[in-house]
Structures are given as C-alpha cells and as structure tokens.
Amino acid sequence: MYNELSGPPIDWIAPDQLTDLVDRWLPVGKGKERCVDALIRLVRALPAEEQATRGLAWLADLCIHDDRVTVDQSWSSNDWLKEIRAAVEEHGTLPEWQTLVDALVVAGNSGLAHFST
C-alpha cells in the first residue's frame, strides 16, 4: 500500500482514457448535482482546449434537459465555469459558454450573475 499523505496523490486513472466513455455515461448523470461535480473533476484534468470544447458541451448536457435547466449549480460548477472563461474565448466556444451561464442564472444561479448578458 502506498502512503499518499507523504507525497502527491497517485493518479489512479488517466482522464484522457475515459473521455470516450463520457457520452455513454451522460444520460445516467443528467440532472444530478453529484454527477456534475464528478464530471468537472474528470474534465479539470484534461487540456484547456478539451475543457473548453468537450467539457463545456458535457456540462451543458448534464445541466439542461429538454430545454429546461435541471441543475443550476453544483459545488464546483461556478468555479470551473469561471476558470475556463479565457479558454472558451481562445478556442471558439464563448457563445456556448455564455448560453449555458445565462441559462443557469435565469434558473436561479446568482453566483454567475456577474457573467450573464
């Protein structure tokens, strides 16, 4: 057994090896805050471009179902959306980011109101 407290944590999985499975997992996680946070933990380990493209699309898919917001905020969603703001602009997904943020704010997420248009 390895003592993780004496050094950096061991990466037990390689997030880039799981990305192809996420699309199959999304229907199970829709509308569940804990699943949003689990997705963000995975996506944060990916390169910025992938976070700004696939990660953003996945988050929108988990939070919005049939044009209705089912998760307006999770423990880590606001922080992550703010963290990737520059990356979405750089990688051309700012309109999608803005649409998601605006929808979350309209649904009651006041923590992102400053970023809403």
PDB file of N, CA and C in Angstrom:
ATOM      1  N   MET A   1       0.844  -1.172   0.000  1.00  0.00           N
ATOM      2  CA  MET A   1       0.000   0.000   0.000  1.00  0.00           C
ATOM      3  C   MET A   1       0.891   1.237   0.000  1.00  0.00           C
ATOM      4  N   TYR A   2       0.490   2.254  -0.716  1.00  0.00           N
ATOM      5  CA  TYR A   2       1.252   3.480  -0.867  1.00  0.00           C
ATOM      6  C   TYR A   2       0.659   4.559   0.029  1.00  0.00           C
ATOM      7  N   ASN A   3       1.502   5.252   0.778  1.00  0.00           N
ATOM      8  CA  ASN A   3       1.047   6.317   1.655  1.00  0.00           C
ATOM      9  C   ASN A   3       0.949   7.622   0.863  1.00  0.00           C
ATOM     10  N   GLU A   4      -0.259   7.977   0.457  1.00  0.00           N
ATOM     11  CA  GLU A   4      -0.453   9.180  -0.344  1.00  0.00           C
ATOM     12  C   GLU A   4      -0.265  10.459   0.448  1.00  0.00           C
ATOM     13  N   LEU A   5      -0.302  10.366   1.761  1.00  0.00           N
ATOM     14  CA  LEU A   5      -0.159  11.565   2.565  1.00  0.00           C
ATOM     15  C   LEU A   5       1.274  12.076   2.583  1.00  0.00           C
ATOM     16  N   SER A   6       2.205  11.274   2.174  1.00  0.00           N
ATOM     17  CA  SER A   6       3.598  11.694   2.205  1.00  0.00           C
ATOM     18  C   SER A   6       4.044  12.335   0.893  1.00  0.00           C
ATOM     19  N   GLY A   7       3.186  12.405  -0.079  1.00  0.00           N
ATOM     20  CA  GLY A   7       3.535  12.992  -1.364  1.00  0.00           C
ATOM     21  C   GLY A   7       2.289  13.314  -2.153  1.00  0.00           C
ATOM     22  N   PRO A   8       2.462  13.670  -3.399  1.00  0.00           N
ATOM     23  CA  PRO A   8       1.295  13.983  -4.220  1.00  0.00           C
ATOM     24  C   PRO A   8       0.426  12.740  -4.424  1.00  0.00           C
ATOM     25  N   PRO A   9      -0.878  12.935  -4.602  1.00  0.00           N
ATOM     26  CA  PRO A   9      -1.759  11.778  -4.792  1.00  0.00           C
ATOM     27  C   PRO A   9      -1.430  11.028  -6.078  1.00  0.00           C
ATOM     28  N   ILE A  10      -1.690   9.764  -6.054  1.00  0.00           N
ATOM     29  CA  ILE A  10      -1.480   8.920  -7.224  1.00  0.00           C
ATOM     30  C   ILE A  10      -2.652   9.122  -8.180  1.00  0.00           C
ATOM     31  N   ASP A  11      -2.350   9.303  -9.448  1.00  0.00           N
ATOM     32  CA  ASP A  11      -3.405   9.359 -10.458  1.00  0.00           C
ATOM     33  C   ASP A  11      -3.764   7.920 -10.821  1.00  0.00           C
ATOM     34  N   TRP A  12      -4.864   7.443 -10.269  1.00  0.00           N
ATOM     35  CA  TRP A  12      -5.263   6.055 -10.482  1.00  0.00           C
ATOM     36  C   TRP A  12      -5.821   5.840 -11.878  1.00  0.00           C
ATOM     37  N   ILE A  13      -6.319   6.900 -12.468  1.00  0.00           N
ATOM     38  CA  ILE A  13      -6.863   6.797 -13.819  1.00  0.00           C
ATOM     39  C   ILE A  13      -6.241   7.880 -14.681  1.00  0.00           C
ATOM     40  N   ALA A  14      -6.283   7.672 -15.954  1.00  0.00           N
ATOM     41  CA  ALA A  14      -5.860   8.683 -16.915  1.00  0.00           C
ATOM     42  C   ALA A  14      -7.133   9.248 -17.536  1.00  0.00           C
ATOM     43  N   PRO A  15      -7.519  10.477 -17.167  1.00  0.00           N
ATOM     44  CA  PRO A  15      -8.790  11.036 -17.653  1.00  0.00           C
ATOM     45  C   PRO A  15      -8.955  10.979 -19.164  1.00  0.00           C
ATOM     46  N   ASP A  16      -7.881  11.161 -19.899  1.00  0.00           N
ATOM     47  CA  ASP A  16      -7.999  11.127 -21.355  1.00  0.00           C
ATOM     48  C   ASP A  16      -8.408   9.748 -21.878  1.00  0.00           C
ATOM     49  N   GLN A  17      -8.215   8.713 -21.066  1.00  0.00           N
ATOM     50  CA  GLN A  17      -8.639   7.373 -21.474  1.00  0.00           C
ATOM     51  C   GLN A  17     -10.124   7.124 -21.194  1.00  0.00           C
ATOM     52  N   LEU A  18     -10.745   8.023 -20.442  1.00  0.00           N
ATOM     53  CA  LEU A  18     -12.164   7.867 -20.105  1.00  0.00           C
ATOM     54  C   LEU A  18     -13.085   8.729 -20.952  1.00  0.00           C
ATOM     55  N   THR A  19     -12.531   9.666 -21.696  1.00  0.00           N
ATOM     56  CA  THR A  19     -13.391  10.621 -22.395  1.00  0.00           C
ATOM     57  C   THR A  19     -14.349   9.959 -23.384  1.00  0.00           C
ATOM     58  N   ASP A  20     -13.939   8.887 -24.002  1.00  0.00           N
ATOM     59  CA  ASP A  20     -14.842   8.220 -24.943  1.00  0.00           C
ATOM     60  C   ASP A  20     -16.030   7.557 -24.238  1.00  0.00           C
ATOM     61  N   LEU A  21     -15.899   7.303 -22.959  1.00  0.00           N
ATOM     62  CA  LEU A  21     -16.990   6.693 -22.192  1.00  0.00           C
ATOM     63  C   LEU A  21     -17.987   7.713 -21.665  1.00  0.00           C
ATOM     64  N   VAL A  22     -17.600   8.977 -21.630  1.00  0.00           N
ATOM     65  CA  VAL A  22     -18.455  10.002 -21.032  1.00  0.00           C
ATOM     66  C   VAL A  22     -19.786  10.116 -21.765  1.00  0.00           C
ATOM     67  N   ASP A  23     -19.778  10.076 -23.082  1.00  0.00           N
ATOM     68  CA  ASP A  23     -21.027  10.200 -23.834  1.00  0.00           C
ATOM     69  C   ASP A  23     -22.028   9.108 -23.460  1.00  0.00           C
ATOM     70  N   ARG A  24     -21.543   7.926 -23.144  1.00  0.00           N
ATOM     71  CA  ARG A  24     -22.431   6.834 -22.720  1.00  0.00           C
ATOM     72  C   ARG A  24     -22.929   7.042 -21.295  1.00  0.00           C
ATOM     73  N   TRP A  25     -22.150   7.750 -20.493  1.00  0.00           N
ATOM     74  CA  TRP A  25     -22.487   7.974 -19.084  1.00  0.00           C
ATOM     75  C   TRP A  25     -23.432   9.166 -18.888  1.00  0.00           C
ATOM     76  N   LEU A  26     -23.387  10.138 -19.800  1.00  0.00           N
ATOM     77  CA  LEU A  26     -24.177  11.366 -19.639  1.00  0.00           C
ATOM     78  C   LEU A  26     -25.666  11.139 -19.382  1.00  0.00           C
ATOM     79  N   PRO A  27     -26.351  10.250 -20.095  1.00  0.00           N
ATOM     80  CA  PRO A  27     -27.779  10.066 -19.816  1.00  0.00           C
ATOM     81  C   PRO A  27     -28.067   9.635 -18.373  1.00  0.00           C
ATOM     82  N   VAL A  28     -27.135   8.915 -17.777  1.00  0.00           N
ATOM     83  CA  VAL A  28     -27.316   8.475 -16.387  1.00  0.00           C
ATOM     84  C   VAL A  28     -27.144   9.640 -15.415  1.00  0.00           C
ATOM     85  N   GLY A  29     -26.263  10.567 -15.750  1.00  0.00           N
ATOM     86  CA  GLY A  29     -25.940  11.671 -14.850  1.00  0.00           C
ATOM     87  C   GLY A  29     -26.785  12.915 -15.004  1.00  0.00           C
ATOM     88  N   LYS A  30     -27.624  12.975 -16.029  1.00  0.00           N
ATOM     89  CA  LYS A  30     -28.422  14.179 -16.274  1.00  0.00           C
ATOM     90  C   LYS A  30     -29.220  14.585 -15.048  1.00  0.00           C
ATOM     91  N   GLY A  31     -29.116  15.872 -14.720  1.00  0.00           N
ATOM     92  CA  GLY A  31     -29.942  16.419 -13.642  1.00  0.00           C
ATOM     93  C   GLY A  31     -29.464  16.114 -12.238  1.00  0.00           C
ATOM     94  N   LYS A  32     -28.277  15.565 -12.092  1.00  0.00           N
ATOM     95  CA  LYS A  32     -27.777  15.192 -10.768  1.00  0.00           C
ATOM     96  C   LYS A  32     -26.539  16.024 -10.423  1.00  0.00           C
ATOM     97  N   GLU A  33     -26.634  16.800  -9.355  1.00  0.00           N
ATOM     98  CA  GLU A  33     -25.529  17.673  -8.953  1.00  0.00           C
ATOM     99  C   GLU A  33     -24.236  16.894  -8.720  1.00  0.00           C
ATOM    100  N   ARG A  34     -24.331  15.756  -8.081  1.00  0.00           N
ATOM    101  CA  ARG A  34     -23.124  14.963  -7.801  1.00  0.00           C
ATOM    102  C   ARG A  34     -22.447  14.511  -9.085  1.00  0.00           C
ATOM    103  N   CYS A  35     -23.232  14.240 -10.101  1.00  0.00           N
ATOM    104  CA  CYS A  35     -22.664  13.833 -11.385  1.00  0.00           C
ATOM    105  C   CYS A  35     -21.998  15.021 -12.079  1.00  0.00           C
ATOM    106  N   VAL A  36     -22.565  16.203 -11.909  1.00  0.00           N
ATOM    107  CA  VAL A  36     -21.930  17.411 -12.450  1.00  0.00           C
ATOM    108  C   VAL A  36     -20.554  17.574 -11.818  1.00  0.00           C
ATOM    109  N   ASP A  37     -20.467  17.432 -10.513  1.00  0.00           N
ATOM    110  CA  ASP A  37     -19.174  17.572  -9.838  1.00  0.00           C
ATOM    111  C   ASP A  37     -18.198  16.468 -10.235  1.00  0.00           C
ATOM    112  N   ALA A  38     -18.689  15.263 -10.417  1.00  0.00           N
ATOM    113  CA  ALA A  38     -17.816  14.167 -10.853  1.00  0.00           C
ATOM    114  C   ALA A  38     -17.265  14.448 -12.248  1.00  0.00           C
ATOM    115  N   LEU A  39     -18.111  14.947 -13.125  1.00  0.00           N
ATOM    116  CA  LEU A  39     -17.662  15.290 -14.471  1.00  0.00           C
ATOM    117  C   LEU A  39     -16.597  16.389 -14.416  1.00  0.00           C
ATOM    118  N   ILE A  40     -16.828  17.411 -13.615  1.00  0.00           N
ATOM    119  CA  ILE A  40     -15.872  18.513 -13.530  1.00  0.00           C
ATOM    120  C   ILE A  40     -14.532  18.028 -12.990  1.00  0.00           C
ATOM    121  N   ARG A  41     -14.536  17.110 -12.023  1.00  0.00           N
ATOM    122  CA  ARG A  41     -13.273  16.555 -11.526  1.00  0.00           C
ATOM    123  C   ARG A  41     -12.505  15.861 -12.650  1.00  0.00           C
ATOM    124  N   LEU A  42     -13.206  15.153 -13.487  1.00  0.00           N
ATOM    125  CA  LEU A  42     -12.568  14.484 -14.622  1.00  0.00           C
ATOM    126  C   LEU A  42     -12.071  15.504 -15.642  1.00  0.00           C
ATOM    127  N   VAL A  43     -12.923  16.429 -16.011  1.00  0.00           N
ATOM    128  CA  VAL A  43     -12.610  17.387 -17.067  1.00  0.00           C
ATOM    129  C   VAL A  43     -11.456  18.312 -16.673  1.00  0.00           C
ATOM    130  N   ARG A  44     -11.366  18.664 -15.406  1.00  0.00           N
ATOM    131  CA  ARG A  44     -10.276  19.549 -14.957  1.00  0.00           C
ATOM    132  C   ARG A  44      -8.894  18.963 -15.244  1.00  0.00           C
ATOM    133  N   ALA A  45      -8.807  17.679 -15.364  1.00  0.00           N
ATOM    134  CA  ALA A  45      -7.520  17.028 -15.624  1.00  0.00           C
ATOM    135  C   ALA A  45      -7.178  16.983 -17.111  1.00  0.00           C
ATOM    136  N   LEU A  46      -8.078  17.456 -17.948  1.00  0.00           N
ATOM    137  CA  LEU A  46      -7.856  17.452 -19.395  1.00  0.00           C
ATOM    138  C   LEU A  46      -7.205  18.763 -19.835  1.00  0.00           C
ATOM    139  N   PRO A  47      -6.624  18.790 -21.022  1.00  0.00           N
ATOM    140  CA  PRO A  47      -6.057  20.029 -21.544  1.00  0.00           C
ATOM    141  C   PRO A  47      -7.128  21.116 -21.679  1.00  0.00           C
ATOM    142  N   ALA A  48      -6.706  22.370 -21.618  1.00  0.00           N
ATOM    143  CA  ALA A  48      -7.636  23.508 -21.656  1.00  0.00           C
ATOM    144  C   ALA A  48      -8.550  23.473 -22.877  1.00  0.00           C
ATOM    145  N   GLU A  49      -8.003  23.109 -24.030  1.00  0.00           N
ATOM    146  CA  GLU A  49      -8.831  23.074 -25.239  1.00  0.00           C
ATOM    147  C   GLU A  49      -9.962  22.061 -25.101  1.00  0.00           C
ATOM    148  N   GLU A  50      -9.670  20.913 -24.537  1.00  0.00           N
ATOM    149  CA  GLU A  50     -10.707  19.893 -24.367  1.00  0.00           C
ATOM    150  C   GLU A  50     -11.730  20.302 -23.302  1.00  0.00           C
ATOM    151  N   GLN A  51     -11.271  20.985 -22.269  1.00  0.00           N
ATOM    152  CA  GLN A  51     -12.207  21.504 -21.268  1.00  0.00           C
ATOM    153  C   GLN A  51     -13.170  22.499 -21.911  1.00  0.00           C
ATOM    154  N   ALA A  52     -12.614  23.374 -22.762  1.00  0.00           N
ATOM    155  CA  ALA A  52     -13.401  24.439 -23.373  1.00  0.00           C
ATOM    156  C   ALA A  52     -14.331  23.946 -24.467  1.00  0.00           C
ATOM    157  N   THR A  53     -14.112  22.773 -24.959  1.00  0.00           N
ATOM    158  CA  THR A  53     -14.944  22.247 -26.042  1.00  0.00           C
ATOM    159  C   THR A  53     -15.801  21.091 -25.526  1.00  0.00           C
ATOM    160  N   ARG A  54     -15.220  19.925 -25.403  1.00  0.00           N
ATOM    161  CA  ARG A  54     -15.986  18.750 -24.960  1.00  0.00           C
ATOM    162  C   ARG A  54     -16.517  18.915 -23.544  1.00  0.00           C
ATOM    163  N   GLY A  55     -15.663  19.399 -22.644  1.00  0.00           N
ATOM    164  CA  GLY A  55     -16.085  19.545 -21.252  1.00  0.00           C
ATOM    165  C   GLY A  55     -17.271  20.471 -21.099  1.00  0.00           C
ATOM    166  N   LEU A  56     -17.239  21.588 -21.799  1.00  0.00           N
ATOM    167  CA  LEU A  56     -18.346  22.547 -21.742  1.00  0.00           C
ATOM    168  C   LEU A  56     -19.626  21.934 -22.292  1.00  0.00           C
ATOM    169  N   ALA A  57     -19.511  21.236 -23.415  1.00  0.00           N
ATOM    170  CA  ALA A  57     -20.695  20.582 -24.004  1.00  0.00           C
ATOM    171  C   ALA A  57     -21.255  19.522 -23.067  1.00  0.00           C
ATOM    172  N   TRP A  58     -20.369  18.753 -22.431  1.00  0.00           N
ATOM    173  CA  TRP A  58     -20.832  17.731 -21.484  1.00  0.00           C
ATOM    174  C   TRP A  58     -21.553  18.369 -20.301  1.00  0.00           C
ATOM    175  N   LEU A  59     -20.996  19.451 -19.778  1.00  0.00           N
ATOM    176  CA  LEU A  59     -21.627  20.110 -18.634  1.00  0.00           C
ATOM    177  C   LEU A  59     -23.014  20.621 -19.002  1.00  0.00           C
ATOM    178  N   ALA A  60     -23.119  21.241 -20.160  1.00  0.00           N
ATOM    179  CA  ALA A  60     -24.425  21.722 -20.611  1.00  0.00           C
ATOM    180  C   ALA A  60     -25.408  20.563 -20.731  1.00  0.00           C
ATOM    181  N   ASP A  61     -24.945  19.427 -21.235  1.00  0.00           N
ATOM    182  CA  ASP A  61     -25.804  18.253 -21.389  1.00  0.00           C
ATOM    183  C   ASP A  61     -26.301  17.737 -20.037  1.00  0.00           C
ATOM    184  N   LEU A  62     -25.447  17.789 -19.024  1.00  0.00           N
ATOM    185  CA  LEU A  62     -25.866  17.335 -17.686  1.00  0.00           C
ATOM    186  C   LEU A  62     -26.824  18.311 -17.023  1.00  0.00           C
ATOM    187  N   CYS A  63     -26.639  19.600 -17.271  1.00  0.00           N
ATOM    188  CA  CYS A  63     -27.407  20.627 -16.554  1.00  0.00           C
ATOM    189  C   CYS A  63     -28.724  20.995 -17.223  1.00  0.00           C
ATOM    190  N   ILE A  64     -28.826  20.775 -18.520  1.00  0.00           N
ATOM    191  CA  ILE A  64     -30.021  21.180 -19.254  1.00  0.00           C
ATOM    192  C   ILE A  64     -30.623  19.961 -19.942  1.00  0.00           C
ATOM    193  N   HIS A  65     -31.905  19.736 -19.694  1.00  0.00           N
ATOM    194  CA  HIS A  65     -32.601  18.587 -20.271  1.00  0.00           C
ATOM    195  C   HIS A  65     -33.921  19.074 -20.846  1.00  0.00           C
ATOM    196  N   ASP A  66     -34.164  18.780 -22.099  1.00  0.00           N
ATOM    197  CA  ASP A  66     -35.382  19.227 -22.790  1.00  0.00           C
ATOM    198  C   ASP A  66     -35.580  20.734 -22.649  1.00  0.00           C
ATOM    199  N   ASP A  67     -34.515  21.492 -22.875  1.00  0.00           N
ATOM    200  CA  ASP A  67     -34.526  22.961 -22.808  1.00  0.00           C
ATOM    201  C   ASP A  67     -34.905  23.504 -21.429  1.00  0.00           C
ATOM    202  N   ARG A  68     -34.730  22.700 -20.397  1.00  0.00           N
ATOM    203  CA  ARG A  68     -35.027  23.132 -19.028  1.00  0.00           C
ATOM    204  C   ARG A  68     -33.805  22.838 -18.168  1.00  0.00           C
ATOM    205  N   VAL A  69     -33.391  23.839 -17.392  1.00  0.00           N
ATOM    206  CA  VAL A  69     -32.251  23.653 -16.504  1.00  0.00           C
ATOM    207  C   VAL A  69     -32.663  22.735 -15.362  1.00  0.00           C
ATOM    208  N   THR A  70     -31.944  21.646 -15.200  1.00  0.00           N
ATOM    209  CA  THR A  70     -32.240  20.704 -14.116  1.00  0.00           C
ATOM    210  C   THR A  70     -31.213  20.801 -12.995  1.00  0.00           C
ATOM    211  N   VAL A  71     -30.031  21.345 -13.283  1.00  0.00           N
ATOM    212  CA  VAL A  71     -29.015  21.627 -12.264  1.00  0.00           C
ATOM    213  C   VAL A  71     -28.514  23.038 -12.537  1.00  0.00           C
ATOM    214  N   ASP A  72     -28.875  23.987 -11.657  1.00  0.00           N
ATOM    215  CA  ASP A  72     -28.432  25.361 -11.891  1.00  0.00           C
ATOM    216  C   ASP A  72     -27.086  25.660 -11.241  1.00  0.00           C
ATOM    217  N   GLN A  73     -26.668  24.780 -10.326  1.00  0.00           N
ATOM    218  CA  GLN A  73     -25.383  24.984  -9.650  1.00  0.00           C
ATOM    219  C   GLN A  73     -25.013  23.708  -8.909  1.00  0.00           C
ATOM    220  N   SER A  74     -23.721  23.435  -8.899  1.00  0.00           N
ATOM    221  CA  SER A  74     -23.200  22.342  -8.080  1.00  0.00           C
ATOM    222  C   SER A  74     -22.066  22.915  -7.252  1.00  0.00           C
ATOM    223  N   TRP A  75     -21.450  22.066  -6.473  1.00  0.00           N
ATOM    224  CA  TRP A  75     -20.373  22.521  -5.600  1.00  0.00           C
ATOM    225  C   TRP A  75     -19.247  23.188  -6.390  1.00  0.00           C
ATOM    226  N   SER A  76     -18.909  22.642  -7.542  1.00  0.00           N
ATOM    227  CA  SER A  76     -17.749  23.143  -8.286  1.00  0.00           C
ATOM    228  C   SER A  76     -18.074  23.796  -9.626  1.00  0.00           C
ATOM    229  N   SER A  77     -19.319  23.825 -10.023  1.00  0.00           N
ATOM    230  CA  SER A  77     -19.650  24.309 -11.365  1.00  0.00           C
ATOM    231  C   SER A  77     -19.318  25.782 -11.576  1.00  0.00           C
ATOM    232  N   ASN A  78     -19.650  26.634 -10.632  1.00  0.00           N
ATOM    233  CA  ASN A  78     -19.375  28.063 -10.825  1.00  0.00           C
ATOM    234  C   ASN A  78     -17.881  28.327 -10.949  1.00  0.00           C
ATOM    235  N   ASP A  79     -17.097  27.738 -10.056  1.00  0.00           N
ATOM    236  CA  ASP A  79     -15.648  27.945 -10.110  1.00  0.00           C
ATOM    237  C   ASP A  79     -15.077  27.468 -11.435  1.00  0.00           C
ATOM    238  N   TRP A  80     -15.498  26.287 -11.876  1.00  0.00           N
ATOM    239  CA  TRP A  80     -14.962  25.750 -13.119  1.00  0.00           C
ATOM    240  C   TRP A  80     -15.356  26.609 -14.317  1.00  0.00           C
ATOM    241  N   LEU A  81     -16.599  27.048 -14.361  1.00  0.00           N
ATOM    242  CA  LEU A  81     -17.028  27.893 -15.475  1.00  0.00           C
ATOM    243  C   LEU A  81     -16.235  29.198 -15.516  1.00  0.00           C
ATOM    244  N   LYS A  82     -15.945  29.748 -14.357  1.00  0.00           N
ATOM    245  CA  LYS A  82     -15.124  30.969 -14.314  1.00  0.00           C
ATOM    246  C   LYS A  82     -13.688  30.658 -14.735  1.00  0.00           C
ATOM    247  N   GLU A  83     -13.166  29.523 -14.306  1.00  0.00           N
ATOM    248  CA  GLU A  83     -11.785  29.134 -14.645  1.00  0.00           C
ATOM    249  C   GLU A  83     -11.574  28.971 -16.145  1.00  0.00           C
ATOM    250  N   ILE A  84     -12.572  28.461 -16.842  1.00  0.00           N
ATOM    251  CA  ILE A  84     -12.389  28.173 -18.267  1.00  0.00           C
ATOM    252  C   ILE A  84     -12.812  29.333 -19.165  1.00  0.00           C
ATOM    253  N   ARG A  85     -13.204  30.442 -18.594  1.00  0.00           N
ATOM    254  CA  ARG A  85     -13.690  31.585 -19.398  1.00  0.00           C
ATOM    255  C   ARG A  85     -12.687  31.984 -20.477  1.00  0.00           C
ATOM    256  N   ALA A  86     -11.439  32.144 -20.130  1.00  0.00           N
ATOM    257  CA  ALA A  86     -10.420  32.539 -21.124  1.00  0.00           C
ATOM    258  C   ALA A  86     -10.224  31.446 -22.174  1.00  0.00           C
ATOM    259  N   ALA A  87     -10.256  30.192 -21.757  1.00  0.00           N
ATOM    260  CA  ALA A  87     -10.054  29.081 -22.690  1.00  0.00           C
ATOM    261  C   ALA A  87     -11.189  28.981 -23.701  1.00  0.00           C
ATOM    262  N   VAL A  88     -12.422  29.228 -23.276  1.00  0.00           N
ATOM    263  CA  VAL A  88     -13.537  29.150 -24.232  1.00  0.00           C
ATOM    264  C   VAL A  88     -13.446  30.265 -25.258  1.00  0.00           C
ATOM    265  N   GLU A  89     -12.959  31.414 -24.824  1.00  0.00           N
ATOM    266  CA  GLU A  89     -12.772  32.512 -25.778  1.00  0.00           C
ATOM    267  C   GLU A  89     -11.679  32.152 -26.786  1.00  0.00           C
ATOM    268  N   GLU A  90     -10.594  31.592 -26.278  1.00  0.00           N
ATOM    269  CA  GLU A  90      -9.473  31.216 -27.134  1.00  0.00           C
ATOM    270  C   GLU A  90      -9.835  30.115 -28.122  1.00  0.00           C
ATOM    271  N   HIS A  91     -10.685  29.186 -27.704  1.00  0.00           N
ATOM    272  CA  HIS A  91     -10.982  28.014 -28.531  1.00  0.00           C
ATOM    273  C   HIS A  91     -12.339  28.082 -29.241  1.00  0.00           C
ATOM    274  N   GLY A  92     -12.954  29.265 -29.233  1.00  0.00           N
ATOM    275  CA  GLY A  92     -14.133  29.486 -30.059  1.00  0.00           C
ATOM    276  C   GLY A  92     -15.451  28.987 -29.523  1.00  0.00           C
ATOM    277  N   THR A  93     -15.533  28.713 -28.229  1.00  0.00           N
ATOM    278  CA  THR A  93     -16.802  28.231 -27.677  1.00  0.00           C
ATOM    279  C   THR A  93     -17.428  29.230 -26.702  1.00  0.00           C
ATOM    280  N   LEU A  94     -17.049  30.501 -26.826  1.00  0.00           N
ATOM    281  CA  LEU A  94     -17.626  31.523 -25.945  1.00  0.00           C
ATOM    282  C   LEU A  94     -19.148  31.612 -26.087  1.00  0.00           C
ATOM    283  N   PRO A  95     -19.720  31.545 -27.295  1.00  0.00           N
ATOM    284  CA  PRO A  95     -21.187  31.596 -27.378  1.00  0.00           C
ATOM    285  C   PRO A  95     -21.872  30.465 -26.595  1.00  0.00           C
ATOM    286  N   GLU A  96     -21.312  29.267 -26.652  1.00  0.00           N
ATOM    287  CA  GLU A  96     -21.885  28.142 -25.909  1.00  0.00           C
ATOM    288  C   GLU A  96     -21.737  28.354 -24.401  1.00  0.00           C
ATOM    289  N   TRP A  97     -20.576  28.853 -23.987  1.00  0.00           N
ATOM    290  CA  TRP A  97     -20.337  29.151 -22.570  1.00  0.00           C
ATOM    291  C   TRP A  97     -21.340  30.190 -22.091  1.00  0.00           C
ATOM    292  N   GLN A  98     -21.518  31.252 -22.874  1.00  0.00           N
ATOM    293  CA  GLN A  98     -22.433  32.322 -22.489  1.00  0.00           C
ATOM    294  C   GLN A  98     -23.866  31.830 -22.418  1.00  0.00           C
ATOM    295  N   THR A  99     -24.271  31.009 -23.359  1.00  0.00           N
ATOM    296  CA  THR A  99     -25.627  30.444 -23.350  1.00  0.00           C
ATOM    297  C   THR A  99     -25.860  29.620 -22.088  1.00  0.00           C
ATOM    298  N   LEU A 100     -24.876  28.798 -21.726  1.00  0.00           N
ATOM    299  CA  LEU A 100     -25.010  27.983 -20.518  1.00  0.00           C
ATOM    300  C   LEU A 100     -25.066  28.862 -19.280  1.00  0.00           C
ATOM    301  N   VAL A 101     -24.158  29.805 -19.158  1.00  0.00           N
ATOM    302  CA  VAL A 101     -24.139  30.687 -17.990  1.00  0.00           C
ATOM    303  C   VAL A 101     -25.458  31.451 -17.874  1.00  0.00           C
ATOM    304  N   ASP A 102     -25.941  32.003 -18.980  1.00  0.00           N
ATOM    305  CA  ASP A 102     -27.206  32.737 -18.951  1.00  0.00           C
ATOM    306  C   ASP A 102     -28.363  31.847 -18.507  1.00  0.00           C
ATOM    307  N   ALA A 103     -28.398  30.611 -19.000  1.00  0.00           N
ATOM    308  CA  ALA A 103     -29.467  29.681 -18.609  1.00  0.00           C
ATOM    309  C   ALA A 103     -29.393  29.358 -17.120  1.00  0.00           C
ATOM    310  N   LEU A 104     -28.188  29.153 -16.602  1.00  0.00           N
ATOM    311  CA  LEU A 104     -28.034  28.843 -15.184  1.00  0.00           C
ATOM    312  C   LEU A 104     -28.455  30.027 -14.323  1.00  0.00           C
ATOM    313  N   VAL A 105     -28.124  31.230 -14.747  1.00  0.00           N
ATOM    314  CA  VAL A 105     -28.515  32.427 -13.988  1.00  0.00           C
ATOM    315  C   VAL A 105     -30.032  32.588 -13.991  1.00  0.00           C
ATOM    316  N   VAL A 106     -30.652  32.424 -15.143  1.00  0.00           N
ATOM    317  CA  VAL A 106     -32.110  32.533 -15.225  1.00  0.00           C
ATOM    318  C   VAL A 106     -32.778  31.490 -14.333  1.00  0.00           C
ATOM    319  N   ALA A 107     -32.153  30.323 -14.191  1.00  0.00           N
ATOM    320  CA  ALA A 107     -32.715  29.253 -13.357  1.00  0.00           C
ATOM    321  C   ALA A 107     -32.472  29.486 -11.864  1.00  0.00           C
ATOM    322  N   GLY A 108     -31.702  30.523 -11.521  1.00  0.00           N
ATOM    323  CA  GLY A 108     -31.526  30.836 -10.104  1.00  0.00           C
ATOM    324  C   GLY A 108     -30.101  30.876  -9.596  1.00  0.00           C
ATOM    325  N   ASN A 109     -29.125  30.685 -10.449  1.00  0.00           N
ATOM    326  CA  ASN A 109     -27.726  30.693 -10.024  1.00  0.00           C
ATOM    327  C   ASN A 109     -27.220  32.137  -9.955  1.00  0.00           C
ATOM    328  N   SER A 110     -27.278  32.720  -8.778  1.00  0.00           N
ATOM    329  CA  SER A 110     -26.857  34.121  -8.624  1.00  0.00           C
ATOM    330  C   SER A 110     -25.335  34.265  -8.613  1.00  0.00           C
ATOM    331  N   GLY A 111     -24.612  33.187  -8.390  1.00  0.00           N
ATOM    332  CA  GLY A 111     -23.162  33.231  -8.350  1.00  0.00           C
ATOM    333  C   GLY A 111     -22.523  33.538  -9.686  1.00  0.00           C
ATOM    334  N   LEU A 112     -23.260  33.349 -10.763  1.00  0.00           N
ATOM    335  CA  LEU A 112     -22.749  33.641 -12.100  1.00  0.00           C
ATOM    336  C   LEU A 112     -23.393  34.880 -12.705  1.00  0.00           C
ATOM    337  N   ALA A 113     -24.219  35.576 -11.938  1.00  0.00           N
ATOM    338  CA  ALA A 113     -24.980  36.709 -12.476  1.00  0.00           C
ATOM    339  C   ALA A 113     -24.059  37.776 -13.074  1.00  0.00           C
ATOM    340  N   HIS A 114     -22.906  37.973 -12.488  1.00  0.00           N
ATOM    341  CA  HIS A 114     -21.956  38.970 -12.981  1.00  0.00           C
ATOM    342  C   HIS A 114     -21.480  38.647 -14.413  1.00  0.00           C
ATOM    343  N   PHE A 115     -21.539  37.391 -14.794  1.00  0.00           N
ATOM    344  CA  PHE A 115     -21.067  36.949 -16.105  1.00  0.00           C
ATOM    345  C   PHE A 115     -22.192  36.828 -17.130  1.00  0.00           C
ATOM    346  N   SER A 116     -23.428  37.060 -16.694  1.00  0.00           N
ATOM    347  CA  SER A 116     -24.571  36.909 -17.576  1.00  0.00           C
ATOM    348  C   SER A 116     -24.781  38.168 -18.413  1.00  0.00           C
ATOM    349  N   THR A 117     -25.287  37.958 -19.621  1.00  0.00           N
ATOM    350  CA  THR A 117     -25.553  39.113 -20.501  1.00  0.00           C
ATOM    351  C   THR A 117     -27.003  39.485 -20.497  1.00  0.00           C
TER     352      THR A 117
END
